[in-house]
Amino acid sequence: ILLSDSAPVSAVPVPATAWLLISGLIGLAG
């Protein structure tokens, strides 16, 4: 049985991942 002082986030949420990819595409365009 577990208690943690860290938020249980296993991966970047989809919107954050999408923003990273969009930023990458903008960089590629440049």
mmCIF file of all heavy atoms, coordinates in Angstrom:
data_MODEL
# 
_entry.id   MODEL 
# 
loop_
_atom_site.group_PDB 
_atom_site.id 
_atom_site.type_symbol 
_atom_site.label_atom_id 
_atom_site.label_alt_id 
_atom_site.label_comp_id 
_atom_site.label_asym_id 
_atom_site.label_entity_id 
_atom_site.label_seq_id 
_atom_site.pdbx_PDB_ins_code 
_atom_site.Cartn_x 
_atom_site.Cartn_y 
_atom_site.Cartn_z 
_atom_site.occupancy 
_atom_site.B_iso_or_equiv 
_atom_site.pdbx_formal_charge 
_atom_site.auth_seq_id 
_atom_site.auth_comp_id 
_atom_site.auth_asym_id 
_atom_site.auth_atom_id 
_atom_site.pdbx_PDB_model_num 
ATOM 1   N N   . ILE A 1 1  ? 0.868  -1.179 0.000   1.00 0.00 ? 1  ILE A N   1 
ATOM 2   C CA  . ILE A 1 1  ? 0.000  0.000  0.000   1.00 0.00 ? 1  ILE A CA  1 
ATOM 3   C C   . ILE A 1 1  ? 0.902  1.225  0.000   1.00 0.00 ? 1  ILE A C   1 
ATOM 4   O O   . ILE A 1 1  ? 1.890  1.275  0.744   1.00 0.00 ? 1  ILE A O   1 
ATOM 5   C CB  . ILE A 1 1  ? -0.919 -0.004 1.233   1.00 0.00 ? 1  ILE A CB  1 
ATOM 6   C CG1 . ILE A 1 1  ? -1.757 -1.288 1.266   1.00 0.00 ? 1  ILE A CG1 1 
ATOM 7   C CG2 . ILE A 1 1  ? -1.824 1.222  1.226   1.00 0.00 ? 1  ILE A CG2 1 
ATOM 8   C CD1 . ILE A 1 1  ? -2.542 -1.469 2.546   1.00 0.00 ? 1  ILE A CD1 1 
ATOM 9   N N   . LEU A 1 2  ? 0.569  2.232  -0.807  1.00 0.00 ? 2  LEU A N   1 
ATOM 10  C CA  . LEU A 1 2  ? 1.500  3.328  -1.060  1.00 0.00 ? 2  LEU A CA  1 
ATOM 11  C C   . LEU A 1 2  ? 0.859  4.704  -0.870  1.00 0.00 ? 2  LEU A C   1 
ATOM 12  O O   . LEU A 1 2  ? -0.298 4.919  -1.230  1.00 0.00 ? 2  LEU A O   1 
ATOM 13  C CB  . LEU A 1 2  ? 2.035  3.239  -2.492  1.00 0.00 ? 2  LEU A CB  1 
ATOM 14  C CG  . LEU A 1 2  ? 2.723  1.936  -2.884  1.00 0.00 ? 2  LEU A CG  1 
ATOM 15  C CD1 . LEU A 1 2  ? 2.962  1.898  -4.386  1.00 0.00 ? 2  LEU A CD1 1 
ATOM 16  C CD2 . LEU A 1 2  ? 4.022  1.762  -2.126  1.00 0.00 ? 2  LEU A CD2 1 
ATOM 17  N N   . LEU A 1 3  ? 1.669  5.623  -0.331  1.00 0.00 ? 3  LEU A N   1 
ATOM 18  C CA  . LEU A 1 3  ? 1.353  7.046  -0.310  1.00 0.00 ? 3  LEU A CA  1 
ATOM 19  C C   . LEU A 1 3  ? 2.571  7.788  -0.839  1.00 0.00 ? 3  LEU A C   1 
ATOM 20  O O   . LEU A 1 3  ? 3.697  7.478  -0.452  1.00 0.00 ? 3  LEU A O   1 
ATOM 21  C CB  . LEU A 1 3  ? 1.025  7.526  1.105   1.00 0.00 ? 3  LEU A CB  1 
ATOM 22  C CG  . LEU A 1 3  ? -0.245 6.987  1.747   1.00 0.00 ? 3  LEU A CG  1 
ATOM 23  C CD1 . LEU A 1 3  ? -0.345 7.448  3.197   1.00 0.00 ? 3  LEU A CD1 1 
ATOM 24  C CD2 . LEU A 1 3  ? -1.484 7.429  0.970   1.00 0.00 ? 3  LEU A CD2 1 
ATOM 25  N N   . SER A 1 4  ? 2.346  8.766  -1.687  1.00 0.00 ? 4  SER A N   1 
ATOM 26  C CA  . SER A 1 4  ? 3.453  9.492  -2.306  1.00 0.00 ? 4  SER A CA  1 
ATOM 27  C C   . SER A 1 4  ? 3.259  10.990 -2.185  1.00 0.00 ? 4  SER A C   1 
ATOM 28  O O   . SER A 1 4  ? 2.130  11.489 -2.170  1.00 0.00 ? 4  SER A O   1 
ATOM 29  C CB  . SER A 1 4  ? 3.564  9.107  -3.788  1.00 0.00 ? 4  SER A CB  1 
ATOM 30  O OG  . SER A 1 4  ? 4.536  9.896  -4.439  1.00 0.00 ? 4  SER A OG  1 
ATOM 31  N N   . ASP A 1 5  ? 4.386  11.715 -2.089  1.00 0.00 ? 5  ASP A N   1 
ATOM 32  C CA  . ASP A 1 5  ? 4.320  13.176 -2.100  1.00 0.00 ? 5  ASP A CA  1 
ATOM 33  C C   . ASP A 1 5  ? 4.547  13.732 -3.502  1.00 0.00 ? 5  ASP A C   1 
ATOM 34  O O   . ASP A 1 5  ? 4.691  14.935 -3.686  1.00 0.00 ? 5  ASP A O   1 
ATOM 35  C CB  . ASP A 1 5  ? 5.327  13.774 -1.121  1.00 0.00 ? 5  ASP A CB  1 
ATOM 36  C CG  . ASP A 1 5  ? 6.765  13.379 -1.420  1.00 0.00 ? 5  ASP A CG  1 
ATOM 37  O OD1 . ASP A 1 5  ? 6.992  12.666 -2.425  1.00 0.00 ? 5  ASP A OD1 1 
ATOM 38  O OD2 . ASP A 1 5  ? 7.665  13.760 -0.659  1.00 0.00 ? 5  ASP A OD2 1 
ATOM 39  N N   . SER A 1 6  ? 4.575  12.849 -4.502  1.00 0.00 ? 6  SER A N   1 
ATOM 40  C CA  . SER A 1 6  ? 4.694  13.263 -5.900  1.00 0.00 ? 6  SER A CA  1 
ATOM 41  C C   . SER A 1 6  ? 3.383  12.992 -6.621  1.00 0.00 ? 6  SER A C   1 
ATOM 42  O O   . SER A 1 6  ? 2.729  11.974 -6.375  1.00 0.00 ? 6  SER A O   1 
ATOM 43  C CB  . SER A 1 6  ? 5.822  12.495 -6.606  1.00 0.00 ? 6  SER A CB  1 
ATOM 44  O OG  . SER A 1 6  ? 7.063  12.739 -5.989  1.00 0.00 ? 6  SER A OG  1 
ATOM 45  N N   . ALA A 1 7  ? 2.989  13.891 -7.501  1.00 0.00 ? 7  ALA A N   1 
ATOM 46  C CA  . ALA A 1 7  ? 1.779  13.674 -8.288  1.00 0.00 ? 7  ALA A CA  1 
ATOM 47  C C   . ALA A 1 7  ? 1.986  12.475 -9.205  1.00 0.00 ? 7  ALA A C   1 
ATOM 48  O O   . ALA A 1 7  ? 3.051  12.338 -9.813  1.00 0.00 ? 7  ALA A O   1 
ATOM 49  C CB  . ALA A 1 7  ? 1.455  14.923 -9.110  1.00 0.00 ? 7  ALA A CB  1 
ATOM 50  N N   . PRO A 1 8  ? 0.998  11.592 -9.315  1.00 0.00 ? 8  PRO A N   1 
ATOM 51  C CA  . PRO A 1 8  ? 1.153  10.378 -10.126 1.00 0.00 ? 8  PRO A CA  1 
ATOM 52  C C   . PRO A 1 8  ? 1.028  10.653 -11.611 1.00 0.00 ? 8  PRO A C   1 
ATOM 53  O O   . PRO A 1 8  ? -0.014 10.452 -12.223 1.00 0.00 ? 8  PRO A O   1 
ATOM 54  C CB  . PRO A 1 8  ? 0.002  9.489  -9.631  1.00 0.00 ? 8  PRO A CB  1 
ATOM 55  C CG  . PRO A 1 8  ? -1.028 10.447 -9.150  1.00 0.00 ? 8  PRO A CG  1 
ATOM 56  C CD  . PRO A 1 8  ? -0.288 11.622 -8.594  1.00 0.00 ? 8  PRO A CD  1 
ATOM 57  N N   . VAL A 1 9  ? 2.095  11.150 -12.219 1.00 0.00 ? 9  VAL A N   1 
ATOM 58  C CA  . VAL A 1 9  ? 2.133  11.433 -13.649 1.00 0.00 ? 9  VAL A CA  1 
ATOM 59  C C   . VAL A 1 9  ? 3.091  10.449 -14.292 1.00 0.00 ? 9  VAL A C   1 
ATOM 60  O O   . VAL A 1 9  ? 4.278  10.433 -13.982 1.00 0.00 ? 9  VAL A O   1 
ATOM 61  C CB  . VAL A 1 9  ? 2.595  12.876 -13.925 1.00 0.00 ? 9  VAL A CB  1 
ATOM 62  C CG1 . VAL A 1 9  ? 2.649  13.125 -15.425 1.00 0.00 ? 9  VAL A CG1 1 
ATOM 63  C CG2 . VAL A 1 9  ? 1.671  13.875 -13.250 1.00 0.00 ? 9  VAL A CG2 1 
ATOM 64  N N   . SER A 1 10 ? 2.590  9.596  -15.206 1.00 0.00 ? 10 SER A N   1 
ATOM 65  C CA  . SER A 1 10 ? 3.434  8.587  -15.831 1.00 0.00 ? 10 SER A CA  1 
ATOM 66  C C   . SER A 1 10 ? 3.973  9.046  -17.166 1.00 0.00 ? 10 SER A C   1 
ATOM 67  O O   . SER A 1 10 ? 4.938  8.501  -17.677 1.00 0.00 ? 10 SER A O   1 
ATOM 68  C CB  . SER A 1 10 ? 2.634  7.283  -16.032 1.00 0.00 ? 10 SER A CB  1 
ATOM 69  O OG  . SER A 1 10 ? 1.490  7.524  -16.827 1.00 0.00 ? 10 SER A OG  1 
ATOM 70  N N   . ALA A 1 11 ? 3.349  10.042 -17.770 1.00 0.00 ? 11 ALA A N   1 
ATOM 71  C CA  . ALA A 1 11 ? 3.814  10.537 -19.068 1.00 0.00 ? 11 ALA A CA  1 
ATOM 72  C C   . ALA A 1 11 ? 3.280  11.938 -19.278 1.00 0.00 ? 11 ALA A C   1 
ATOM 73  O O   . ALA A 1 11 ? 2.385  12.401 -18.575 1.00 0.00 ? 11 ALA A O   1 
ATOM 74  C CB  . ALA A 1 11 ? 3.347  9.619  -20.201 1.00 0.00 ? 11 ALA A CB  1 
ATOM 75  N N   . VAL A 1 12 ? 3.823  12.617 -20.283 1.00 0.00 ? 12 VAL A N   1 
ATOM 76  C CA  . VAL A 1 12 ? 3.336  13.957 -20.600 1.00 0.00 ? 12 VAL A CA  1 
ATOM 77  C C   . VAL A 1 12 ? 1.907  13.870 -21.086 1.00 0.00 ? 12 VAL A C   1 
ATOM 78  O O   . VAL A 1 12 ? 1.590  13.043 -21.930 1.00 0.00 ? 12 VAL A O   1 
ATOM 79  C CB  . VAL A 1 12 ? 4.210  14.597 -21.697 1.00 0.00 ? 12 VAL A CB  1 
ATOM 80  C CG1 . VAL A 1 12 ? 3.675  15.968 -22.067 1.00 0.00 ? 12 VAL A CG1 1 
ATOM 81  C CG2 . VAL A 1 12 ? 5.627  14.704 -21.211 1.00 0.00 ? 12 VAL A CG2 1 
ATOM 82  N N   . PRO A 1 13 ? 0.971  14.684 -20.559 1.00 0.00 ? 13 PRO A N   1 
ATOM 83  C CA  . PRO A 1 13 ? -0.407 14.675 -21.065 1.00 0.00 ? 13 PRO A CA  1 
ATOM 84  C C   . PRO A 1 13 ? -0.442 14.947 -22.555 1.00 0.00 ? 13 PRO A C   1 
ATOM 85  O O   . PRO A 1 13 ? 0.430  15.624 -23.099 1.00 0.00 ? 13 PRO A O   1 
ATOM 86  C CB  . PRO A 1 13 ? -1.084 15.802 -20.277 1.00 0.00 ? 13 PRO A CB  1 
ATOM 87  C CG  . PRO A 1 13 ? -0.243 15.958 -19.046 1.00 0.00 ? 13 PRO A CG  1 
ATOM 88  C CD  . PRO A 1 13 ? 1.168  15.635 -19.469 1.00 0.00 ? 13 PRO A CD  1 
ATOM 89  N N   . VAL A 1 14 ? -1.463 14.448 -23.236 1.00 0.00 ? 14 VAL A N   1 
ATOM 90  C CA  . VAL A 1 14 ? -1.559 14.583 -24.693 1.00 0.00 ? 14 VAL A CA  1 
ATOM 91  C C   . VAL A 1 14 ? -1.470 16.029 -25.142 1.00 0.00 ? 14 VAL A C   1 
ATOM 92  O O   . VAL A 1 14 ? -0.744 16.338 -26.090 1.00 0.00 ? 14 VAL A O   1 
ATOM 93  C CB  . VAL A 1 14 ? -2.867 13.929 -25.193 1.00 0.00 ? 14 VAL A CB  1 
ATOM 94  C CG1 . VAL A 1 14 ? -3.081 14.223 -26.672 1.00 0.00 ? 14 VAL A CG1 1 
ATOM 95  C CG2 . VAL A 1 14 ? -2.821 12.433 -24.957 1.00 0.00 ? 14 VAL A CG2 1 
ATOM 96  N N   . PRO A 1 15 ? -2.179 16.990 -24.514 1.00 0.00 ? 15 PRO A N   1 
ATOM 97  C CA  . PRO A 1 15 ? -2.044 18.383 -24.985 1.00 0.00 ? 15 PRO A CA  1 
ATOM 98  C C   . PRO A 1 15 ? -0.617 18.898 -24.901 1.00 0.00 ? 15 PRO A C   1 
ATOM 99  O O   . PRO A 1 15 ? -0.151 19.594 -25.786 1.00 0.00 ? 15 PRO A O   1 
ATOM 100 C CB  . PRO A 1 15 ? -2.967 19.156 -24.032 1.00 0.00 ? 15 PRO A CB  1 
ATOM 101 C CG  . PRO A 1 15 ? -3.955 18.149 -23.566 1.00 0.00 ? 15 PRO A CG  1 
ATOM 102 C CD  . PRO A 1 15 ? -3.164 16.866 -23.450 1.00 0.00 ? 15 PRO A CD  1 
ATOM 103 N N   . ALA A 1 16 ? 0.116  18.533 -23.831 1.00 0.00 ? 16 ALA A N   1 
ATOM 104 C CA  . ALA A 1 16 ? 1.495  18.995 -23.699 1.00 0.00 ? 16 ALA A CA  1 
ATOM 105 C C   . ALA A 1 16 ? 2.364  18.371 -24.775 1.00 0.00 ? 16 ALA A C   1 
ATOM 106 O O   . ALA A 1 16 ? 3.232  19.017 -25.360 1.00 0.00 ? 16 ALA A O   1 
ATOM 107 C CB  . ALA A 1 16 ? 2.029  18.639 -22.309 1.00 0.00 ? 16 ALA A CB  1 
ATOM 108 N N   . THR A 1 17 ? 2.139  17.081 -25.054 1.00 0.00 ? 17 THR A N   1 
ATOM 109 C CA  . THR A 1 17 ? 2.909  16.416 -26.106 1.00 0.00 ? 17 THR A CA  1 
ATOM 110 C C   . THR A 1 17 ? 2.624  17.057 -27.453 1.00 0.00 ? 17 THR A C   1 
ATOM 111 O O   . THR A 1 17 ? 3.529  17.294 -28.258 1.00 0.00 ? 17 THR A O   1 
ATOM 112 C CB  . THR A 1 17 ? 2.541  14.915 -26.159 1.00 0.00 ? 17 THR A CB  1 
ATOM 113 O OG1 . THR A 1 17 ? 2.736  14.346 -24.873 1.00 0.00 ? 17 THR A OG1 1 
ATOM 114 C CG2 . THR A 1 17 ? 3.405  14.184 -27.175 1.00 0.00 ? 17 THR A CG2 1 
ATOM 115 N N   . ALA A 1 18 ? 1.356  17.342 -27.713 1.00 0.00 ? 18 ALA A N   1 
ATOM 116 C CA  . ALA A 1 18 ? 0.985  17.977 -28.979 1.00 0.00 ? 18 ALA A CA  1 
ATOM 117 C C   . ALA A 1 18 ? 1.659  19.338 -29.115 1.00 0.00 ? 18 ALA A C   1 
ATOM 118 O O   . ALA A 1 18 ? 2.137  19.707 -30.192 1.00 0.00 ? 18 ALA A O   1 
ATOM 119 C CB  . ALA A 1 18 ? -0.538 18.125 -29.057 1.00 0.00 ? 18 ALA A CB  1 
ATOM 120 N N   . TRP A 1 19 ? 1.722  20.098 -28.014 1.00 0.00 ? 19 TRP A N   1 
ATOM 121 C CA  . TRP A 1 19 ? 2.365  21.413 -28.069 1.00 0.00 ? 19 TRP A CA  1 
ATOM 122 C C   . TRP A 1 19 ? 3.845  21.280 -28.371 1.00 0.00 ? 19 TRP A C   1 
ATOM 123 O O   . TRP A 1 19 ? 4.400  22.072 -29.125 1.00 0.00 ? 19 TRP A O   1 
ATOM 124 C CB  . TRP A 1 19 ? 2.144  22.146 -26.765 1.00 0.00 ? 19 TRP A CB  1 
ATOM 125 C CG  . TRP A 1 19 ? 2.896  23.445 -26.686 1.00 0.00 ? 19 TRP A CG  1 
ATOM 126 C CD1 . TRP A 1 19 ? 3.921  23.746 -25.869 1.00 0.00 ? 19 TRP A CD1 1 
ATOM 127 C CD2 . TRP A 1 19 ? 2.694  24.601 -27.505 1.00 0.00 ? 19 TRP A CD2 1 
ATOM 128 N NE1 . TRP A 1 19 ? 4.363  25.024 -26.090 1.00 0.00 ? 19 TRP A NE1 1 
ATOM 129 C CE2 . TRP A 1 19 ? 3.628  25.570 -27.112 1.00 0.00 ? 19 TRP A CE2 1 
ATOM 130 C CE3 . TRP A 1 19 ? 1.800  24.895 -28.533 1.00 0.00 ? 19 TRP A CE3 1 
ATOM 131 C CZ2 . TRP A 1 19 ? 3.694  26.816 -27.713 1.00 0.00 ? 19 TRP A CZ2 1 
ATOM 132 C CZ3 . TRP A 1 19 ? 1.874  26.144 -29.133 1.00 0.00 ? 19 TRP A CZ3 1 
ATOM 133 C CH2 . TRP A 1 19 ? 2.816  27.086 -28.715 1.00 0.00 ? 19 TRP A CH2 1 
ATOM 134 N N   . LEU A 1 20 ? 4.493  20.257 -27.803 1.00 0.00 ? 20 LEU A N   1 
ATOM 135 C CA  . LEU A 1 20 ? 5.908  20.043 -28.109 1.00 0.00 ? 20 LEU A CA  1 
ATOM 136 C C   . LEU A 1 20 ? 6.097  19.744 -29.595 1.00 0.00 ? 20 LEU A C   1 
ATOM 137 O O   . LEU A 1 20 ? 7.019  20.253 -30.237 1.00 0.00 ? 20 LEU A O   1 
ATOM 138 C CB  . LEU A 1 20 ? 6.458  18.881 -27.268 1.00 0.00 ? 20 LEU A CB  1 
ATOM 139 C CG  . LEU A 1 20 ? 6.777  19.185 -25.797 1.00 0.00 ? 20 LEU A CG  1 
ATOM 140 C CD1 . LEU A 1 20 ? 7.131  17.899 -25.066 1.00 0.00 ? 20 LEU A CD1 1 
ATOM 141 C CD2 . LEU A 1 20 ? 7.914  20.184 -25.696 1.00 0.00 ? 20 LEU A CD2 1 
ATOM 142 N N   . LEU A 1 21 ? 5.226  18.901 -30.157 1.00 0.00 ? 21 LEU A N   1 
ATOM 143 C CA  . LEU A 1 21 ? 5.356  18.556 -31.572 1.00 0.00 ? 21 LEU A CA  1 
ATOM 144 C C   . LEU A 1 21 ? 5.074  19.764 -32.462 1.00 0.00 ? 21 LEU A C   1 
ATOM 145 O O   . LEU A 1 21 ? 5.745  19.974 -33.474 1.00 0.00 ? 21 LEU A O   1 
ATOM 146 C CB  . LEU A 1 21 ? 4.397  17.414 -31.905 1.00 0.00 ? 21 LEU A CB  1 
ATOM 147 C CG  . LEU A 1 21 ? 4.712  16.069 -31.236 1.00 0.00 ? 21 LEU A CG  1 
ATOM 148 C CD1 . LEU A 1 21 ? 3.643  15.044 -31.574 1.00 0.00 ? 21 LEU A CD1 1 
ATOM 149 C CD2 . LEU A 1 21 ? 6.087  15.561 -31.655 1.00 0.00 ? 21 LEU A CD2 1 
ATOM 150 N N   . ILE A 1 22 ? 4.068  20.566 -32.077 1.00 0.00 ? 22 ILE A N   1 
ATOM 151 C CA  . ILE A 1 22 ? 3.788  21.778 -32.849 1.00 0.00 ? 22 ILE A CA  1 
ATOM 152 C C   . ILE A 1 22 ? 4.981  22.725 -32.813 1.00 0.00 ? 22 ILE A C   1 
ATOM 153 O O   . ILE A 1 22 ? 5.362  23.313 -33.832 1.00 0.00 ? 22 ILE A O   1 
ATOM 154 C CB  . ILE A 1 22 ? 2.524  22.473 -32.290 1.00 0.00 ? 22 ILE A CB  1 
ATOM 155 C CG1 . ILE A 1 22 ? 1.286  21.624 -32.593 1.00 0.00 ? 22 ILE A CG1 1 
ATOM 156 C CG2 . ILE A 1 22 ? 2.367  23.866 -32.886 1.00 0.00 ? 22 ILE A CG2 1 
ATOM 157 C CD1 . ILE A 1 22 ? 0.031  22.125 -31.906 1.00 0.00 ? 22 ILE A CD1 1 
ATOM 158 N N   . SER A 1 23 ? 5.592  22.867 -31.628 1.00 0.00 ? 23 SER A N   1 
ATOM 159 C CA  . SER A 1 23 ? 6.781  23.714 -31.511 1.00 0.00 ? 23 SER A CA  1 
ATOM 160 C C   . SER A 1 23 ? 7.898  23.191 -32.409 1.00 0.00 ? 23 SER A C   1 
ATOM 161 O O   . SER A 1 23 ? 8.628  23.966 -33.044 1.00 0.00 ? 23 SER A O   1 
ATOM 162 C CB  . SER A 1 23 ? 7.246  23.743 -30.047 1.00 0.00 ? 23 SER A CB  1 
ATOM 163 O OG  . SER A 1 23 ? 6.252  24.274 -29.211 1.00 0.00 ? 23 SER A OG  1 
ATOM 164 N N   . GLY A 1 24 ? 8.012  21.864 -32.461 1.00 0.00 ? 24 GLY A N   1 
ATOM 165 C CA  . GLY A 1 24 ? 9.041  21.277 -33.322 1.00 0.00 ? 24 GLY A CA  1 
ATOM 166 C C   . GLY A 1 24 ? 8.795  21.559 -34.787 1.00 0.00 ? 24 GLY A C   1 
ATOM 167 O O   . GLY A 1 24 ? 9.718  21.868 -35.547 1.00 0.00 ? 24 GLY A O   1 
ATOM 168 N N   . LEU A 1 25 ? 7.533  21.469 -35.204 1.00 0.00 ? 25 LEU A N   1 
ATOM 169 C CA  . LEU A 1 25 ? 7.201  21.750 -36.601 1.00 0.00 ? 25 LEU A CA  1 
ATOM 170 C C   . LEU A 1 25 ? 7.467  23.210 -36.946 1.00 0.00 ? 25 LEU A C   1 
ATOM 171 O O   . LEU A 1 25 ? 7.925  23.533 -38.049 1.00 0.00 ? 25 LEU A O   1 
ATOM 172 C CB  . LEU A 1 25 ? 5.730  21.407 -36.866 1.00 0.00 ? 25 LEU A CB  1 
ATOM 173 C CG  . LEU A 1 25 ? 5.377  19.918 -36.807 1.00 0.00 ? 25 LEU A CG  1 
ATOM 174 C CD1 . LEU A 1 25 ? 3.872  19.725 -36.953 1.00 0.00 ? 25 LEU A CD1 1 
ATOM 175 C CD2 . LEU A 1 25 ? 6.130  19.151 -37.892 1.00 0.00 ? 25 LEU A CD2 1 
ATOM 176 N N   . ILE A 1 26 ? 7.166  24.107 -36.014 1.00 0.00 ? 26 ILE A N   1 
ATOM 177 C CA  . ILE A 1 26 ? 7.455  25.532 -36.242 1.00 0.00 ? 26 ILE A CA  1 
ATOM 178 C C   . ILE A 1 26 ? 8.962  25.730 -36.409 1.00 0.00 ? 26 ILE A C   1 
ATOM 179 O O   . ILE A 1 26 ? 9.423  26.480 -37.281 1.00 0.00 ? 26 ILE A O   1 
ATOM 180 C CB  . ILE A 1 26 ? 6.926  26.382 -35.073 1.00 0.00 ? 26 ILE A CB  1 
ATOM 181 C CG1 . ILE A 1 26 ? 5.390  26.341 -35.046 1.00 0.00 ? 26 ILE A CG1 1 
ATOM 182 C CG2 . ILE A 1 26 ? 7.418  27.822 -35.186 1.00 0.00 ? 26 ILE A CG2 1 
ATOM 183 C CD1 . ILE A 1 26 ? 4.783  27.026 -33.839 1.00 0.00 ? 26 ILE A CD1 1 
ATOM 184 N N   . GLY A 1 27 ? 9.726  25.024 -35.557 1.00 0.00 ? 27 GLY A N   1 
ATOM 185 C CA  . GLY A 1 27 ? 11.184 25.113 -35.680 1.00 0.00 ? 27 GLY A CA  1 
ATOM 186 C C   . GLY A 1 27 ? 11.679 24.599 -37.014 1.00 0.00 ? 27 GLY A C   1 
ATOM 187 O O   . GLY A 1 27 ? 12.573 25.177 -37.641 1.00 0.00 ? 27 GLY A O   1 
ATOM 188 N N   . LEU A 1 28 ? 11.092 23.488 -37.476 1.00 0.00 ? 28 LEU A N   1 
ATOM 189 C CA  . LEU A 1 28 ? 11.489 22.926 -38.774 1.00 0.00 ? 28 LEU A CA  1 
ATOM 190 C C   . LEU A 1 28 ? 11.158 23.895 -39.906 1.00 0.00 ? 28 LEU A C   1 
ATOM 191 O O   . LEU A 1 28 ? 11.919 24.024 -40.880 1.00 0.00 ? 28 LEU A O   1 
ATOM 192 C CB  . LEU A 1 28 ? 10.774 21.593 -39.006 1.00 0.00 ? 28 LEU A CB  1 
ATOM 193 C CG  . LEU A 1 28 ? 11.263 20.415 -38.165 1.00 0.00 ? 28 LEU A CG  1 
ATOM 194 C CD1 . LEU A 1 28 ? 10.394 19.193 -38.422 1.00 0.00 ? 28 LEU A CD1 1 
ATOM 195 C CD2 . LEU A 1 28 ? 12.724 20.086 -38.486 1.00 0.00 ? 28 LEU A CD2 1 
ATOM 196 N N   . ALA A 1 29 ? 10.010 24.565 -39.796 1.00 0.00 ? 29 ALA A N   1 
ATOM 197 C CA  . ALA A 1 29 ? 9.639  25.541 -40.827 1.00 0.00 ? 29 ALA A CA  1 
ATOM 198 C C   . ALA A 1 29 ? 10.668 26.660 -40.888 1.00 0.00 ? 29 ALA A C   1 
ATOM 199 O O   . ALA A 1 29 ? 11.036 27.135 -41.966 1.00 0.00 ? 29 ALA A O   1 
ATOM 200 C CB  . ALA A 1 29 ? 8.249  26.091 -40.528 1.00 0.00 ? 29 ALA A CB  1 
ATOM 201 N N   . GLY A 1 30 ? 11.155 27.080 -39.709 1.00 0.00 ? 30 GLY A N   1 
ATOM 202 C CA  . GLY A 1 30 ? 12.170 28.124 -39.687 1.00 0.00 ? 30 GLY A CA  1 
ATOM 203 C C   . GLY A 1 30 ? 13.472 27.671 -40.329 1.00 0.00 ? 30 GLY A C   1 
ATOM 204 O O   . GLY A 1 30 ? 14.108 28.423 -41.075 1.00 0.00 ? 30 GLY A O   1 
# 
